[in-house]
Protein backbone atom coordinates (compact mmCIF):
# COMPACT_ATOMS: atom_id res chain seq x y z
CA MET A 1 222.49 83.88 184.14
CA VAL A 2 222.42 87.57 184.98
CA ILE A 3 221.65 88.41 181.20
CA ASN A 4 218.73 86.11 181.21
CA LEU A 5 217.03 88.28 184.00
CA LEU A 6 216.63 90.88 181.48
CA LYS A 7 214.40 89.11 178.97
CA SER A 8 211.06 90.07 180.49
CA ARG A 9 209.74 93.26 181.94
CA PRO A 10 206.92 93.65 184.29
CA THR A 11 203.57 95.18 183.19
CA SER A 12 203.77 97.53 185.97
CA ILE A 13 207.14 98.99 187.05
CA ASN A 14 205.96 101.32 189.94
CA MET A 15 208.13 99.31 192.27
CA THR A 16 211.18 99.98 190.33
CA ASN A 17 210.64 103.71 189.34
CA THR A 18 213.97 105.42 189.67
CA ASN A 19 214.14 108.40 192.03
CA ASN A 20 216.52 109.97 194.47
CA HIS A 21 214.27 109.37 197.40
CA TYR A 22 215.63 108.36 200.76
CA ILE A 23 215.50 104.65 201.33
CA PRO A 24 215.26 103.98 205.17
CA TYR A 25 216.11 100.32 205.31
CA LEU A 26 219.47 100.95 203.62
CA ASP A 27 220.29 103.02 206.65
CA GLY A 28 219.27 100.17 208.86
CA LEU A 29 221.51 97.83 206.94
CA ARG A 30 224.33 100.23 207.49
CA GLY A 31 223.62 100.30 211.13
CA PHE A 32 223.74 96.34 211.20
CA ALA A 33 227.12 96.56 209.25
CA ILE A 34 228.83 98.90 211.65
CA LEU A 35 227.71 96.76 214.72
CA PHE A 36 229.55 93.81 212.88
CA VAL A 37 232.65 96.07 212.47
CA ILE A 38 232.82 97.51 215.89
CA LEU A 39 231.96 94.29 217.73
CA SER A 40 234.64 92.50 215.78
CA HIS A 41 237.27 94.97 216.63
CA MET A 42 236.25 94.86 220.25
CA GLY A 43 237.51 91.25 220.29
CA LEU A 44 234.66 89.35 218.97
CA ASP A 45 236.12 88.70 215.69
CA LYS A 46 235.93 85.00 216.15
CA ILE A 47 232.17 85.01 216.25
CA VAL A 48 231.25 88.39 214.79
CA PRO A 49 232.97 88.96 211.20
CA GLY A 50 233.79 92.41 210.81
CA GLY A 51 234.82 91.87 207.17
CA PHE A 52 231.23 90.76 206.47
CA GLY A 53 230.04 94.23 207.61
CA VAL A 54 232.58 95.98 205.34
CA SER A 55 231.48 93.87 202.25
CA LEU A 56 227.78 94.77 203.10
CA PHE A 57 228.91 98.55 203.10
CA PHE A 58 230.57 98.01 199.74
CA PHE A 59 227.44 96.33 198.22
CA ILE A 60 225.11 99.07 199.38
CA SER A 61 227.44 101.81 198.04
CA GLY A 62 227.47 100.21 194.62
CA TYR A 63 223.67 99.87 194.65
CA LEU A 64 222.86 103.36 195.79
CA ILE A 65 225.46 105.15 193.52
CA THR A 66 224.05 103.29 190.41
CA LYS A 67 220.49 103.99 191.35
CA LEU A 68 221.23 107.72 191.80
CA LEU A 69 223.10 108.06 188.60
CA ILE A 70 220.33 106.25 186.67
CA ALA A 71 217.78 108.64 188.19
CA GLU A 72 219.92 111.61 187.30
CA TYR A 73 220.57 110.40 183.79
CA ASP A 74 216.95 109.54 183.01
CA LYS A 75 215.87 112.83 184.16
CA THR A 76 218.46 115.13 182.55
CA GLY A 77 220.09 113.01 179.94
CA ASP A 78 223.47 113.71 181.55
CA ILE A 79 225.51 113.31 184.49
CA GLY A 80 226.97 116.34 186.40
CA PHE A 81 230.41 115.23 187.14
CA LYS A 82 231.43 118.40 188.96
CA ASN A 83 228.41 118.20 191.26
CA PHE A 84 228.93 114.49 191.76
CA TYR A 85 232.51 114.85 192.96
CA LEU A 86 231.76 117.99 195.15
CA ARG A 87 229.09 116.00 196.89
CA ARG A 88 231.50 113.25 197.63
CA VAL A 89 233.94 115.99 199.05
CA PHE A 90 231.39 117.58 201.22
CA ARG A 91 230.10 114.11 202.39
CA LEU A 92 233.53 112.60 203.39
CA TYR A 93 236.13 115.24 204.05
CA PRO A 94 234.56 117.18 207.17
CA ALA A 95 234.46 114.08 209.48
CA LEU A 96 237.64 112.71 208.04
CA ILE A 97 239.61 115.96 208.70
CA VAL A 98 238.41 115.80 212.31
CA MET A 99 239.27 112.21 212.61
CA VAL A 100 242.68 112.71 211.29
CA CYS A 101 243.37 115.73 213.52
CA LEU A 102 242.14 113.74 216.75
CA SER A 103 244.09 110.79 215.71
CA ILE A 104 247.34 112.91 215.54
CA ILE A 105 246.42 114.31 219.16
CA THR A 106 246.02 110.70 220.16
CA LEU A 107 249.43 109.80 218.98
CA VAL A 108 250.94 112.73 220.74
CA ILE A 109 249.23 111.65 223.98
CA LEU A 110 250.53 108.06 223.45
CA HIS A 111 254.02 109.14 222.50
CA GLY A 112 253.41 107.35 219.22
CA LYS A 113 255.28 108.05 216.09
CA ILE A 114 253.52 110.39 213.53
CA LEU A 115 253.99 108.99 210.07
CA PRO A 116 253.38 111.46 207.42
CA GLY A 117 252.69 108.72 204.82
CA ALA A 118 249.89 107.35 206.93
CA ILE A 119 248.37 110.73 207.22
CA LEU A 120 248.60 111.48 203.51
CA SER A 121 247.12 108.09 202.71
CA ALA A 122 244.09 108.87 204.86
CA PHE A 123 243.62 112.19 203.24
CA PHE A 124 244.17 111.02 199.69
CA TYR A 125 242.56 107.67 199.90
CA PHE A 126 245.38 105.24 199.39
CA THR A 127 245.51 103.77 202.80
CA ASN A 128 244.81 100.29 201.44
CA TYR A 129 248.09 100.34 199.30
CA TYR A 130 250.02 102.22 202.12
CA ILE A 131 249.17 99.31 204.53
CA VAL A 132 250.30 96.62 202.22
CA TYR A 133 253.40 98.17 200.45
CA PHE A 134 254.54 101.27 202.37
CA LYS A 135 253.96 101.10 206.08
CA PRO A 136 257.27 101.00 207.94
CA LEU A 137 258.19 97.88 210.05
CA PRO A 138 258.11 96.92 212.83
CA VAL A 139 254.52 98.05 213.43
CA LYS A 140 253.32 99.22 216.89
CA GLU A 141 249.61 99.41 217.79
CA TRP A 142 249.15 103.15 217.30
CA ASP A 143 250.54 102.81 213.78
CA TYR A 144 247.24 101.19 213.01
CA ILE A 145 245.35 104.38 213.90
CA PHE A 146 244.52 105.51 210.22
CA ASP A 147 243.96 101.90 208.97
CA PRO A 148 240.06 102.08 209.03
CA THR A 149 240.24 104.32 205.85
CA TRP A 150 241.46 101.44 203.84
CA SER A 151 237.79 100.57 202.96
CA LEU A 152 237.00 104.27 202.11
CA SER A 153 240.04 104.15 199.76
CA ILE A 154 238.56 101.31 197.76
CA GLU A 155 235.13 103.16 197.56
CA GLU A 156 236.79 106.32 196.42
CA HIS A 157 238.93 104.63 193.78
CA PHE A 158 235.58 103.16 192.51
CA TYR A 159 233.83 106.49 192.61
CA LEU A 160 236.52 108.22 190.81
CA VAL A 161 235.96 106.13 187.61
CA PHE A 162 232.41 104.76 187.81
CA PRO A 163 230.51 107.91 186.90
CA VAL A 164 232.68 108.26 183.68
CA LEU A 165 232.10 104.61 182.77
CA PHE A 166 228.34 105.09 183.47
CA TYR A 167 228.29 108.08 181.29
CA LEU A 168 230.04 106.41 178.41
CA LEU A 169 228.28 102.99 178.49
CA TYR A 170 224.88 103.49 180.07
CA ASN A 171 222.86 104.09 176.88
CA LYS A 172 224.61 101.40 174.73
CA LYS A 173 222.10 98.63 174.92
CA ASN A 174 223.44 95.89 177.19
CA THR A 175 227.03 97.06 176.99
CA PHE A 176 227.22 98.43 180.42
CA LEU A 177 225.68 95.45 182.13
CA ILE A 178 228.03 93.11 180.24
CA PHE A 179 231.05 95.32 181.24
CA LEU A 180 230.08 95.31 184.82
CA ILE A 181 229.60 91.44 184.77
CA ILE A 182 232.99 91.03 183.37
CA ALA A 183 234.45 93.57 185.85
CA SER A 184 232.92 91.60 188.68
CA VAL A 185 234.59 88.39 187.58
CA ILE A 186 238.08 89.84 187.19
CA PRO A 187 238.71 90.37 190.99
CA LEU A 188 237.54 86.81 191.62
CA ILE A 189 239.70 85.38 189.02
CA TYR A 190 242.76 87.39 190.35
CA ARG A 191 242.03 86.24 193.93
CA CYS A 192 242.00 82.75 192.72
CA TYR A 193 245.15 83.14 190.91
CA LEU A 194 246.98 84.68 193.77
CA THR A 195 245.63 82.12 196.16
CA TYR A 196 246.64 79.15 193.95
CA ASN A 197 250.08 80.49 193.43
CA ALA A 198 250.76 81.59 197.03
CA ALA A 199 253.68 79.89 198.65
CA THR A 200 251.86 80.18 202.01
CA ILE A 201 248.52 81.89 203.00
CA ASN A 202 249.81 83.85 205.91
CA GLU A 203 248.78 87.09 207.51
CA VAL A 204 250.57 89.28 204.98
CA PHE A 205 248.97 87.46 202.05
CA GLU A 206 245.44 87.71 203.67
CA ASN A 207 246.03 91.46 204.26
CA ARG A 208 246.80 92.08 200.47
CA ILE A 209 243.68 90.13 199.39
CA TYR A 210 241.60 91.87 201.98
CA VAL A 211 242.39 95.46 201.40
CA THR A 212 243.47 96.14 197.86
CA THR A 213 241.10 97.57 195.37
CA GLU A 214 241.69 95.11 192.52
CA THR A 215 240.83 92.22 194.89
CA ARG A 216 237.76 93.73 196.52
CA ALA A 217 235.97 95.88 193.99
CA ASP A 218 233.56 93.12 193.00
CA SER A 219 231.70 93.50 196.23
CA ILE A 220 230.78 97.07 195.03
CA ILE A 221 230.21 96.05 191.37
CA TRP A 222 227.59 93.39 192.32
CA GLY A 223 225.58 96.26 194.00
CA CYS A 224 225.80 98.19 190.79
CA ILE A 225 224.67 95.17 188.79
CA ALA A 226 221.53 94.76 191.08
CA ALA A 227 220.55 98.38 190.61
CA LEU A 228 221.10 98.33 186.92
CA ILE A 229 218.91 95.32 186.42
CA LEU A 230 216.16 96.76 188.61
CA PHE A 231 216.22 100.42 187.68
CA LYS A 232 217.27 100.34 184.07
CA TYR A 233 215.72 97.07 182.94
CA HIS A 234 212.90 96.60 185.37
CA SER A 235 213.49 92.92 184.92
CA ALA A 236 210.41 90.84 185.63
CA ALA A 237 212.53 87.78 186.19
CA TYR A 238 214.76 89.34 188.76
CA ILE A 239 211.70 90.82 190.52
CA LYS A 240 209.99 87.53 190.58
CA ILE A 241 213.11 86.01 192.36
CA LEU A 242 213.19 88.85 194.90
CA LYS A 243 209.50 88.55 195.65
CA SER A 244 210.02 84.97 196.72
CA LYS A 245 210.79 83.95 200.34
CA TRP A 246 213.36 81.67 198.81
CA SER A 247 215.35 84.66 197.69
CA LEU A 248 216.14 85.69 201.33
CA ILE A 249 216.44 82.01 202.48
CA ALA A 250 219.02 81.23 199.72
CA GLY A 251 220.78 84.50 200.48
CA LEU A 252 221.07 83.89 204.15
CA LEU A 253 222.20 80.19 203.57
CA VAL A 254 224.91 81.37 201.31
CA ILE A 255 226.08 83.97 203.87
CA LEU A 256 226.10 81.29 206.57
CA PHE A 257 228.07 78.95 204.41
CA SER A 258 230.62 81.74 203.58
CA LEU A 259 231.16 82.42 207.26
CA LEU A 260 231.36 78.83 208.56
CA PHE A 261 233.42 77.27 205.71
CA ARG A 262 237.01 78.00 207.23
CA SER A 263 239.36 76.63 204.31
CA ALA A 264 241.95 79.35 203.76
CA MET A 265 241.94 78.67 200.06
CA PHE A 266 238.09 79.47 200.01
CA ARG A 267 238.20 82.34 202.23
CA GLU A 268 240.93 84.25 200.24
CA SER A 269 239.16 83.41 196.70
CA LEU A 270 235.34 82.66 196.69
CA ARG A 271 234.13 84.06 199.98
CA PHE A 272 233.64 87.56 198.90
CA THR A 273 232.00 86.61 195.76
CA LEU A 274 229.40 84.46 197.41
CA GLN A 275 228.68 87.16 200.00
CA ALA A 276 228.11 89.65 197.03
CA ILE A 277 225.87 87.09 195.40
CA ALA A 278 223.86 86.78 198.70
CA PHE A 279 223.52 90.50 198.93
CA PHE A 280 222.23 90.52 195.33
CA LEU A 281 219.43 88.30 196.47
CA ILE A 282 218.70 89.90 199.86
CA VAL A 283 219.32 93.59 199.66
CA PRO A 284 216.81 94.60 197.07
CA ALA A 285 214.27 92.09 198.27
CA ILE A 286 213.97 93.69 201.70
CA GLY A 287 212.97 97.12 200.39
CA PHE A 288 210.95 96.44 197.25
CA TYR A 289 209.21 93.15 197.54
CA ASN A 290 208.73 92.28 201.26
CA PRO A 291 207.37 95.58 202.42
CA THR A 292 205.82 94.28 205.51
CA SER A 293 208.56 91.59 206.54
CA ILE A 294 209.84 91.50 209.99
CA ILE A 295 213.44 92.08 208.53
CA LYS A 296 212.31 95.38 207.14
CA ARG A 297 210.49 96.41 210.42
CA ILE A 298 213.74 95.65 212.31
CA LEU A 299 215.93 97.49 210.02
CA GLU A 300 213.66 100.54 209.88
CA ASN A 301 213.25 100.85 213.73
CA LYS A 302 214.59 104.22 215.26
CA LEU A 303 217.64 102.68 216.82
CA MET A 304 218.92 100.97 213.54
CA LEU A 305 218.15 104.05 211.53
CA PHE A 306 220.09 106.19 214.05
CA LEU A 307 223.06 103.70 213.81
CA GLY A 308 222.96 103.86 210.18
CA ARG A 309 223.13 107.63 210.11
CA LEU A 310 226.00 107.46 212.43
CA SER A 311 227.81 104.69 210.73
CA TYR A 312 230.29 106.76 208.81
CA SER A 313 231.35 108.65 211.91
CA LEU A 314 231.44 105.38 214.02
CA TYR A 315 233.56 103.75 211.52
CA LEU A 316 235.93 106.76 211.42
CA PHE A 317 236.34 107.26 215.19
CA HIS A 318 235.91 103.86 216.86
CA TRP A 319 239.36 102.45 216.05
CA MET A 320 241.09 105.56 217.59
CA ILE A 321 239.00 105.09 220.77
CA ILE A 322 239.87 101.39 220.89
CA ILE A 323 243.62 102.29 220.74
CA LEU A 324 243.18 104.68 223.51
CA ALA A 325 241.35 102.23 225.50
CA ASN A 326 243.94 99.69 225.00
CA ASN A 327 246.51 101.96 226.50
CA ASN A 328 244.57 102.98 229.52
CA PHE A 329 242.49 100.07 230.70
CA LYS A 330 242.87 96.21 230.93
CA GLN A 331 241.59 94.78 227.60
CA TYR A 332 238.03 93.49 227.80
CA SER A 333 237.27 94.85 231.27
CA MET A 334 234.22 96.58 231.98
CA SER A 335 236.01 99.98 232.07
CA TRP A 336 237.54 99.17 228.65
CA ILE A 337 234.04 98.22 227.22
CA ILE A 338 232.39 101.42 228.71
CA PHE A 339 235.17 103.70 227.56
CA ILE A 340 234.91 102.41 224.08
CA VAL A 341 231.17 102.51 223.56
CA PHE A 342 230.60 105.84 225.36
CA PHE A 343 233.38 107.88 223.61
CA SER A 344 232.93 106.20 220.16
CA PHE A 345 229.30 107.25 220.30
CA LEU A 346 229.95 110.63 221.86
CA LEU A 347 232.45 111.54 219.06
CA SER A 348 230.04 110.19 216.39
CA VAL A 349 227.13 112.17 217.63
CA ILE A 350 229.07 115.36 217.82
CA SER A 351 230.72 114.57 214.44
CA TYR A 352 227.20 113.88 212.83
CA TYR A 353 225.35 116.82 214.27
CA PHE A 354 227.99 119.46 214.28
CA VAL A 355 230.47 118.57 211.58
CA GLU A 356 228.64 116.47 209.03
CA GLN A 357 225.06 118.01 209.07
CA PRO A 358 226.36 121.54 208.45
CA PHE A 359 227.59 120.58 205.16
CA ILE A 360 224.31 119.00 204.04
CA ALA A 361 223.03 122.40 202.74
CA LEU A 362 226.11 122.57 200.49
CA ARG A 363 225.63 118.96 199.34
CA LYS A 364 222.02 119.69 198.42
CA LYS A 365 223.28 122.87 196.42
CA PHE A 366 225.08 120.36 194.33
CA GLY A 367 222.23 117.88 193.82
CA SER A 368 222.30 115.69 197.10
CA HIS A 369 219.04 114.32 198.54
CA ALA A 370 220.51 113.50 201.86
CA LYS A 371 218.65 114.01 205.08
């Protein structure tokens, strides 16, 4: 099906010209995603699926990184690996270091046990495997303080290898796209295999499916596939689908089904793939082919853009604040809510303006187009 999208090209490809320009609505989508994550962690997980927000983050990451690499390669004929990885370091580590330090202080305040393995896993992006295989039991609440970095671990594992694969395969006709399609199916097959053979689908099993790289990387890969079809092949067939209102409707219906159908077998196997396919239909359509849509206007309003810019900091700091709130206020009380909202945003704003922004100049030195 995906290969068939390549068979025709538009007479005009202005809408899919590859560049490094800032895409506002993607920040709005990040703002939407982080709201899902935070509200879920604040006790609304039964009606606000935080995992859906993480899957959206994954898709956007794959979509953006592929678009940026295509732009770089089409312009220079090469990929600057050193600059790529330095940009990642300057993007992620300043706020991460602050979060880890503040989390250690939080553990001291709460008289929690400081686990060197948890700290190292956060710094070196293997938290997802630490959670599944190495975390000591029994677990107390503060032992989860570094756990939000599990999703960052998956992204960084992907970023570690993807530019190399891109460089090796990008110019080999359809080889790279075929490779990505196969790579997107492997996690699905593996999830189905694990689920079918599971003695019982319990919390431990669900955790393994949810956080390990080999079971979740397809959410990122689908974003890469969408960007490749648009910005390398300029596929007229894909563009036609995205221009249609039915693309958005179909994508939203698929998402709704993935959230409402509660079968444990389905949730641990097909759910993430269906959501990725829905993003494949929705995310590019919002920006390229529905420029005046109400969805795009909502995503590009000042509040959503601000949330999107803060999303990385909010993701890092909100969990630590929730743990502090749980130990100082009655859960779900007004004081508890105010404490979480106020201090999560305060720390995130401080991090964004005084920790992350000063490193933008360094990132631009190595080719970043960040704002």
